[in-house]
Amino acid sequence: MPSAVLIVASTRVHADVQEILRIQDTASALIEQGRAVDLLVPSTSALLSAALDPAVRVFTVPEFPLCGNPPPRASIRRLITATLMFLRGVALASRRDYDALHGMNDGAIVARAITGASLRHLPYVAEFHLPFAAPGLRRGIRTTIARAMERNAFRRAAAVVLPDEATLACFPARLSRARVSLIPDPHAEITPSAFTFGEFNTALVHLYDYILRSQQEN
């Protein structure tokens, strides 16, 4: 049976084309490596369905009243959606023998919670493109709490994936950079020097070989 990875999308994946493309690339790269891929999302969309490899199994959560379109800032609606995803993720992890989790944006916080509730203490990759500390997002007590949870997910991750140095600068300098990989988005720009899917695939191969080898050694 091939090793399996659960990708946990953000609570706003339906509104983020960049994240949908990143999920597409990540799932395709993992499948090329011979891994099985499951995807946990709040709900599906036409773009997401069209982008995914048919081999990816997609799991959703029940829609909670008034939580179908959470705002970009930290909010109660996003917290409720994340809680539903956490509960579904724990159920999935109890039924399938995942080797690792891969959380995108605030999905990394959910992945951290899932692995914390798992008896197997699954390693997870925390990938951030739009952290709650990003410039321009509204501040307040909810954002402060969300940023603290985000930092914890960063700190506890087996590996952290960021697209560039600007995103890395959103996180406190005291957080360890030893496990951080800067992997640009191959869809970011179309120029002869753009990061290719082949380079993206190679970067993920090295990343997963590292975290899964470390898990086996432990």
Protein backbone atom coordinates (compact mmCIF):
# COMPACT_ATOMS: atom_id res chain seq x y z
CA MET A 1 0.00 0.00 0.00
CA PRO A 2 1.50 3.38 -0.98
CA SER A 3 2.28 5.97 1.67
CA ALA A 4 -0.57 8.43 2.05
CA VAL A 5 -0.66 12.17 2.70
CA LEU A 6 -3.64 14.24 3.86
CA ILE A 7 -3.63 17.79 2.50
CA VAL A 8 -5.64 20.16 4.71
CA ALA A 9 -6.74 23.23 2.78
CA SER A 10 -7.49 26.62 4.30
CA THR A 11 -10.93 27.68 5.45
CA ARG A 12 -11.07 30.08 2.46
CA VAL A 13 -9.67 27.86 -0.29
CA HIS A 14 -12.74 28.45 -2.48
CA ALA A 15 -11.78 32.14 -2.75
CA ASP A 16 -8.04 31.68 -3.31
CA VAL A 17 -7.03 30.71 -6.85
CA GLN A 18 -3.36 30.67 -5.84
CA GLU A 19 -4.04 28.08 -3.14
CA ILE A 20 -6.11 25.93 -5.50
CA LEU A 21 -3.23 25.91 -8.00
CA ARG A 22 -0.78 25.16 -5.19
CA ILE A 23 -2.93 22.22 -4.04
CA GLN A 24 -3.04 21.00 -7.64
CA ASP A 25 0.76 21.15 -7.93
CA THR A 26 1.36 19.60 -4.50
CA ALA A 27 -1.08 16.73 -5.08
CA SER A 28 0.34 16.05 -8.55
CA ALA A 29 3.92 16.03 -7.22
CA LEU A 30 3.02 13.64 -4.39
CA ILE A 31 1.18 11.32 -6.77
CA GLU A 32 4.20 11.31 -9.10
CA GLN A 33 6.25 10.20 -6.10
CA GLY A 34 3.92 7.19 -5.74
CA ARG A 35 2.02 8.53 -2.73
CA ALA A 36 -1.74 8.41 -2.25
CA VAL A 37 -3.32 11.81 -1.61
CA ASP A 38 -6.47 12.78 0.27
CA LEU A 39 -7.69 16.38 0.42
CA LEU A 40 -9.75 17.92 3.22
CA VAL A 41 -11.57 21.12 2.23
CA PRO A 42 -14.51 23.06 3.69
CA SER A 43 -16.42 22.55 0.42
CA THR A 44 -15.66 21.89 -3.23
CA SER A 45 -15.82 24.35 -6.11
CA ALA A 46 -15.83 24.02 -9.89
CA LEU A 47 -12.26 25.34 -10.16
CA LEU A 48 -10.95 23.03 -7.45
CA SER A 49 -12.66 19.99 -8.98
CA ALA A 50 -11.29 20.82 -12.42
CA ALA A 51 -7.75 21.33 -11.10
CA LEU A 52 -7.40 18.08 -9.16
CA ASP A 53 -5.93 14.82 -10.35
CA PRO A 54 -8.73 12.19 -10.45
CA ALA A 55 -6.68 10.04 -8.07
CA VAL A 56 -7.14 12.55 -5.24
CA ARG A 57 -9.88 11.65 -2.75
CA VAL A 58 -11.73 14.79 -1.60
CA PHE A 59 -13.44 15.13 1.79
CA THR A 60 -15.61 18.05 2.90
CA VAL A 61 -17.36 19.14 6.09
CA PRO A 62 -21.02 20.02 6.73
CA GLU A 63 -21.81 23.66 6.05
CA PHE A 64 -22.51 25.49 9.29
CA PRO A 65 -25.15 28.26 9.04
CA LEU A 66 -23.66 31.64 7.94
CA CYS A 67 -20.13 30.17 7.68
CA GLY A 68 -20.11 29.42 3.96
CA ASN A 69 -18.03 32.45 2.96
CA PRO A 70 -15.71 33.44 5.84
CA PRO A 71 -13.84 36.76 5.58
CA PRO A 72 -10.09 37.02 4.91
CA ARG A 73 -9.45 38.24 8.47
CA ALA A 74 -9.54 36.04 11.56
CA SER A 75 -13.18 35.51 12.56
CA ILE A 76 -15.60 33.32 14.45
CA ARG A 77 -16.83 31.92 11.13
CA ARG A 78 -13.34 30.77 10.22
CA LEU A 79 -12.89 29.27 13.67
CA ILE A 80 -16.13 27.28 13.34
CA THR A 81 -15.12 26.03 9.88
CA ALA A 82 -11.64 25.10 11.15
CA THR A 83 -13.19 23.20 14.07
CA LEU A 84 -15.39 21.19 11.71
CA MET A 85 -12.32 20.43 9.56
CA PHE A 86 -10.39 19.37 12.65
CA LEU A 87 -13.11 16.91 13.66
CA ARG A 88 -13.31 15.47 10.13
CA GLY A 89 -9.51 15.29 9.96
CA VAL A 90 -9.27 13.35 13.23
CA ALA A 91 -11.88 10.91 11.92
CA LEU A 92 -9.94 10.46 8.66
CA ALA A 93 -6.63 9.98 10.48
CA SER A 94 -8.20 7.29 12.67
CA ARG A 95 -9.36 5.33 9.62
CA ARG A 96 -6.42 5.71 7.22
CA ASP A 97 -2.75 5.14 7.92
CA TYR A 98 -1.40 8.54 6.84
CA ASP A 99 2.34 9.07 6.85
CA ALA A 100 2.08 12.87 7.00
CA LEU A 101 -0.27 15.86 6.85
CA HIS A 102 0.20 18.98 4.73
CA GLY A 103 -1.63 22.11 5.91
CA MET A 104 -2.13 25.18 3.71
CA ASN A 105 -2.41 28.63 5.35
CA ASP A 106 -4.78 28.29 8.34
CA GLY A 107 -5.12 24.65 7.29
CA ALA A 108 -1.67 24.30 8.87
CA ILE A 109 -3.23 25.21 12.23
CA VAL A 110 -5.87 22.52 11.65
CA ALA A 111 -3.13 20.01 10.70
CA ARG A 112 -1.29 20.87 13.92
CA ALA A 113 -4.46 20.20 15.93
CA ILE A 114 -5.14 16.91 14.10
CA THR A 115 -1.64 15.56 14.72
CA GLY A 116 -1.88 16.69 18.36
CA ALA A 117 -5.05 14.62 18.76
CA SER A 118 -3.56 11.61 16.96
CA LEU A 119 -1.99 8.84 19.02
CA ARG A 120 0.60 8.41 16.27
CA HIS A 121 1.81 12.05 16.44
CA LEU A 122 1.89 12.39 12.67
CA PRO A 123 4.46 14.77 11.18
CA TYR A 124 3.00 17.66 9.23
CA VAL A 125 4.14 20.26 6.74
CA ALA A 126 2.99 23.82 7.47
CA GLU A 127 2.68 25.88 4.29
CA PHE A 128 1.85 29.58 4.46
CA HIS A 129 1.13 32.00 1.63
CA LEU A 130 -1.16 34.46 3.37
CA PRO A 131 -0.37 34.40 7.12
CA PHE A 132 -2.52 36.32 9.58
CA ALA A 133 0.51 38.56 10.16
CA ALA A 134 0.57 39.64 6.50
CA PRO A 135 0.46 43.43 5.94
CA GLY A 136 -2.99 44.85 5.36
CA LEU A 137 -5.00 42.35 7.42
CA ARG A 138 -7.17 43.83 10.17
CA ARG A 139 -5.70 43.66 13.67
CA GLY A 140 -7.57 42.84 16.88
CA ILE A 141 -7.91 40.19 19.55
CA ARG A 142 -9.06 37.53 17.07
CA THR A 143 -6.09 38.19 14.82
CA THR A 144 -3.73 38.12 17.82
CA ILE A 145 -5.04 34.69 18.82
CA ALA A 146 -4.87 33.44 15.22
CA ARG A 147 -1.28 34.66 14.88
CA ALA A 148 -0.31 32.85 18.09
CA MET A 149 -1.83 29.62 16.76
CA GLU A 150 -0.05 30.17 13.45
CA ARG A 151 3.31 30.61 15.19
CA ASN A 152 2.69 27.41 17.13
CA ALA A 153 1.96 25.55 13.89
CA PHE A 154 5.20 26.97 12.46
CA ARG A 155 7.19 25.92 15.53
CA ARG A 156 5.82 22.36 15.75
CA ALA A 157 5.91 21.49 12.04
CA ALA A 158 8.28 18.84 10.71
CA ALA A 159 8.88 21.27 7.83
CA VAL A 160 7.66 24.74 6.86
CA VAL A 161 7.07 25.76 3.25
CA LEU A 162 6.94 29.44 2.24
CA PRO A 163 6.90 30.99 -1.25
CA ASP A 164 9.42 33.76 -0.63
CA GLU A 165 11.47 35.81 1.84
CA ALA A 166 8.68 38.39 2.22
CA THR A 167 6.38 35.74 3.69
CA LEU A 168 9.16 34.51 5.98
CA ALA A 169 9.52 38.08 7.30
CA CYS A 170 5.90 37.90 8.60
CA PHE A 171 7.04 35.43 11.26
CA PRO A 172 9.15 36.36 14.33
CA ALA A 173 12.89 35.99 13.83
CA ARG A 174 13.13 33.81 16.96
CA LEU A 175 11.27 30.98 15.22
CA SER A 176 13.74 28.40 13.90
CA ARG A 177 14.53 28.76 10.19
CA ALA A 178 16.29 25.37 10.07
CA ARG A 179 13.19 23.53 8.77
CA VAL A 180 12.02 26.28 6.39
CA SER A 181 12.00 25.63 2.64
CA LEU A 182 11.35 28.47 0.21
CA ILE A 183 9.50 26.89 -2.70
CA PRO A 184 8.15 29.44 -5.18
CA ASP A 185 4.84 28.99 -6.94
CA PRO A 186 5.42 27.70 -10.50
CA HIS A 187 2.29 29.65 -11.53
CA ALA A 188 3.56 32.96 -10.12
CA GLU A 189 4.90 34.31 -13.40
CA ILE A 190 5.30 33.13 -16.96
CA THR A 191 8.86 33.96 -17.98
CA PRO A 192 11.78 31.82 -19.17
CA SER A 193 13.32 32.05 -15.66
CA ALA A 194 10.13 31.13 -13.76
CA PHE A 195 10.17 28.29 -11.25
CA THR A 196 9.03 25.18 -13.15
CA PHE A 197 6.81 22.32 -12.04
CA GLY A 198 9.81 20.01 -12.41
CA GLU A 199 11.76 22.12 -9.90
CA PHE A 200 8.71 22.26 -7.64
CA ASN A 201 8.36 18.47 -7.82
CA THR A 202 12.04 17.93 -6.99
CA ALA A 203 11.80 20.28 -4.00
CA LEU A 204 8.82 18.36 -2.61
CA VAL A 205 10.56 15.01 -3.16
CA HIS A 206 13.48 16.17 -1.00
CA LEU A 207 11.13 17.66 1.60
CA TYR A 208 9.04 14.52 2.04
CA ASP A 209 12.04 12.21 1.91
CA TYR A 210 13.48 14.25 4.78
CA ILE A 211 10.44 14.31 7.05
CA LEU A 212 9.47 10.69 6.46
CA ARG A 213 13.02 9.46 6.96
CA SER A 214 13.18 11.42 10.21
CA GLN A 215 9.90 9.81 11.30
CA GLN A 216 11.24 6.30 10.57
CA GLU A 217 14.46 7.02 12.48
CA ASN A 218 12.43 8.14 15.51
